[in-house]
Amino acid sequence: MGQRPGRNLTLKQEMNRGFGDALATAFELALTPAIMALIGWQLDRWLGTGPVLFLFLFVFTVSYEIWKLFKRYEAHMQDEQAKVKGLRGPEEPRA
C-alpha cells in the first residue's frame, strides 16, 4: 500500500512486456526452423535429392536461433549490469 500508483503501473507494464517478449521468442524458436525445414523439403522434392536440404536448413536455422538467443540474452544482461551502481565488469589492466 505504501507504493506510488505510478510505480505499480510501471511494474505491470514491464511484466507484460516480458511476457510479450517471451511469447515472441517462443514463436520464433518454433516457427522459423519449421518454415525453413518446409522450404528444404520442397526443394528436396523439386531437385530429387534426399532429405539433404531439409536437414541442412533445419539444423542451420535451429543453430542460428539459439546463437541469436544467447547473444540477445548477453546484451540484455550487460545492460542490466550497467544499471546497477557500483557493479563493474572485469577489471581492465592498469597502465
C-alpha atoms as a PDB file:
ATOM      1  CA  MET A   1       0.000   0.000   0.000  1.00  0.00           C
ATOM      2  CA  GLY A   2       2.923   2.319   0.536  1.00  0.00           C
ATOM      3  CA  GLN A   3       3.914   2.246  -3.148  1.00  0.00           C
ATOM      4  CA  ARG A   4       3.048   5.030  -5.513  1.00  0.00           C
ATOM      5  CA  PRO A   5       0.405   4.178  -8.135  1.00  0.00           C
ATOM      6  CA  GLY A   6       2.764   5.074 -10.994  1.00  0.00           C
ATOM      7  CA  ARG A   7       5.405   2.629  -9.767  1.00  0.00           C
ATOM      8  CA  ASN A   8       2.899  -0.231  -9.659  1.00  0.00           C
ATOM      9  CA  LEU A   9       1.780   0.542 -13.224  1.00  0.00           C
ATOM     10  CA  THR A  10       5.385   0.591 -14.418  1.00  0.00           C
ATOM     11  CA  LEU A  11       5.995  -2.837 -12.888  1.00  0.00           C
ATOM     12  CA  LYS A  12       2.893  -4.237 -14.599  1.00  0.00           C
ATOM     13  CA  GLN A  13       3.945  -2.760 -17.939  1.00  0.00           C
ATOM     14  CA  GLU A  14       7.428  -4.232 -17.562  1.00  0.00           C
ATOM     15  CA  MET A  15       5.998  -7.643 -16.695  1.00  0.00           C
ATOM     16  CA  ASN A  16       3.612  -7.555 -19.670  1.00  0.00           C
ATOM     17  CA  ARG A  17       6.472  -6.565 -21.969  1.00  0.00           C
ATOM     18  CA  GLY A  18       8.440  -9.534 -20.618  1.00  0.00           C
ATOM     19  CA  PHE A  19       5.546 -11.896 -21.357  1.00  0.00           C
ATOM     20  CA  GLY A  20       5.247 -10.486 -24.875  1.00  0.00           C
ATOM     21  CA  ASP A  21       8.970 -10.864 -25.499  1.00  0.00           C
ATOM     22  CA  ALA A  22       8.912 -14.444 -24.222  1.00  0.00           C
ATOM     23  CA  LEU A  23       5.957 -15.348 -26.438  1.00  0.00           C
ATOM     24  CA  ALA A  24       7.586 -13.777 -29.492  1.00  0.00           C
ATOM     25  CA  THR A  25      10.822 -15.653 -28.803  1.00  0.00           C
ATOM     26  CA  ALA A  26       8.949 -18.938 -28.382  1.00  0.00           C
ATOM     27  CA  PHE A  27       7.187 -18.496 -31.710  1.00  0.00           C
ATOM     28  CA  GLU A  28      10.458 -17.509 -33.356  1.00  0.00           C
ATOM     29  CA  LEU A  29      12.237 -20.593 -31.991  1.00  0.00           C
ATOM     30  CA  ALA A  30       9.430 -22.903 -33.103  1.00  0.00           C
ATOM     31  CA  LEU A  31       8.178 -21.478 -36.385  1.00  0.00           C
ATOM     32  CA  THR A  32      11.350 -20.285 -38.111  1.00  0.00           C
ATOM     33  CA  PRO A  33      13.036 -23.730 -38.162  1.00  0.00           C
ATOM     34  CA  ALA A  34       9.728 -25.346 -39.175  1.00  0.00           C
ATOM     35  CA  ILE A  35       9.293 -22.934 -42.098  1.00  0.00           C
ATOM     36  CA  MET A  36      12.893 -23.405 -43.234  1.00  0.00           C
ATOM     37  CA  ALA A  37      12.533 -27.193 -42.958  1.00  0.00           C
ATOM     38  CA  LEU A  38       9.391 -26.996 -45.096  1.00  0.00           C
ATOM     39  CA  ILE A  39      11.263 -24.961 -47.701  1.00  0.00           C
ATOM     40  CA  GLY A  40      14.114 -27.506 -47.623  1.00  0.00           C
ATOM     41  CA  TRP A  41      11.646 -30.370 -48.023  1.00  0.00           C
ATOM     42  CA  GLN A  42      10.051 -28.680 -51.033  1.00  0.00           C
ATOM     43  CA  LEU A  43      13.470 -28.029 -52.587  1.00  0.00           C
ATOM     44  CA  ASP A  44      14.443 -31.666 -51.989  1.00  0.00           C
ATOM     45  CA  ARG A  45      11.278 -32.831 -53.723  1.00  0.00           C
ATOM     46  CA  TRP A  46      11.822 -30.414 -56.627  1.00  0.00           C
ATOM     47  CA  LEU A  47      15.511 -31.316 -57.076  1.00  0.00           C
ATOM     48  CA  GLY A  48      15.009 -35.021 -56.399  1.00  0.00           C
ATOM     49  CA  THR A  49      17.593 -35.128 -53.638  1.00  0.00           C
ATOM     50  CA  GLY A  50      17.255 -36.946 -50.345  1.00  0.00           C
ATOM     51  CA  PRO A  51      16.484 -35.035 -47.171  1.00  0.00           C
ATOM     52  CA  VAL A  52      19.776 -33.144 -47.502  1.00  0.00           C
ATOM     53  CA  LEU A  53      18.391 -29.616 -47.823  1.00  0.00           C
ATOM     54  CA  PHE A  54      15.607 -30.362 -45.355  1.00  0.00           C
ATOM     55  CA  LEU A  55      18.104 -31.390 -42.676  1.00  0.00           C
ATOM     56  CA  PHE A  56      20.640 -28.695 -43.519  1.00  0.00           C
ATOM     57  CA  LEU A  57      18.143 -25.839 -43.390  1.00  0.00           C
ATOM     58  CA  PHE A  58      16.543 -27.158 -40.206  1.00  0.00           C
ATOM     59  CA  VAL A  59      19.822 -27.659 -38.324  1.00  0.00           C
ATOM     60  CA  PHE A  60      21.275 -24.367 -39.596  1.00  0.00           C
ATOM     61  CA  THR A  61      18.175 -22.428 -38.574  1.00  0.00           C
ATOM     62  CA  VAL A  62      17.963 -24.012 -35.112  1.00  0.00           C
ATOM     63  CA  SER A  63      21.669 -23.292 -34.545  1.00  0.00           C
ATOM     64  CA  TYR A  64      21.272 -19.684 -35.657  1.00  0.00           C
ATOM     65  CA  GLU A  65      18.190 -19.122 -33.484  1.00  0.00           C
ATOM     66  CA  ILE A  66      19.964 -20.495 -30.403  1.00  0.00           C
ATOM     67  CA  TRP A  67      23.052 -18.362 -31.118  1.00  0.00           C
ATOM     68  CA  LYS A  68      20.869 -15.275 -31.569  1.00  0.00           C
ATOM     69  CA  LEU A  69      19.012 -16.012 -28.319  1.00  0.00           C
ATOM     70  CA  PHE A  70      22.275 -16.238 -26.367  1.00  0.00           C
ATOM     71  CA  LYS A  71      23.599 -13.005 -27.898  1.00  0.00           C
ATOM     72  CA  ARG A  72      20.352 -11.179 -27.082  1.00  0.00           C
ATOM     73  CA  TYR A  73      20.498 -12.512 -23.503  1.00  0.00           C
ATOM     74  CA  GLU A  74      24.132 -11.470 -23.143  1.00  0.00           C
ATOM     75  CA  ALA A  75      23.382  -7.931 -24.356  1.00  0.00           C
ATOM     76  CA  HIS A  76      20.389  -7.680 -22.016  1.00  0.00           C
ATOM     77  CA  MET A  77      22.470  -8.804 -19.025  1.00  0.00           C
ATOM     78  CA  GLN A  78      25.177  -6.255 -19.848  1.00  0.00           C
ATOM     79  CA  ASP A  79      22.526  -3.524 -19.969  1.00  0.00           C
ATOM     80  CA  GLU A  80      21.143  -4.637 -16.597  1.00  0.00           C
ATOM     81  CA  GLN A  81      24.616  -4.745 -15.044  1.00  0.00           C
ATOM     82  CA  ALA A  82      25.298  -1.229 -16.308  1.00  0.00           C
ATOM     83  CA  LYS A  83      22.183  -0.019 -14.457  1.00  0.00           C
ATOM     84  CA  VAL A  84      23.408  -1.340 -11.102  1.00  0.00           C
ATOM     85  CA  LYS A  85      25.513   1.253  -9.294  1.00  0.00           C
ATOM     86  CA  GLY A  86      28.931   0.084  -8.232  1.00  0.00           C
ATOM     87  CA  LEU A  87      28.818  -3.090 -10.304  1.00  0.00           C
ATOM     88  CA  ARG A  88      31.605  -3.186 -12.828  1.00  0.00           C
ATOM     89  CA  GLY A  89      32.689  -5.667 -15.432  1.00  0.00           C
ATOM     90  CA  PRO A  90      36.067  -7.380 -15.488  1.00  0.00           C
ATOM     91  CA  GLU A  91      38.864  -5.146 -14.305  1.00  0.00           C
ATOM     92  CA  GLU A  92      40.954  -3.643 -17.049  1.00  0.00           C
ATOM     93  CA  PRO A  93      44.710  -3.845 -16.629  1.00  0.00           C
ATOM     94  CA  ARG A  94      46.227  -0.636 -15.358  1.00  0.00           C
ATOM     95  CA  ALA A  95      48.915   1.044 -17.418  1.00  0.00           C
END
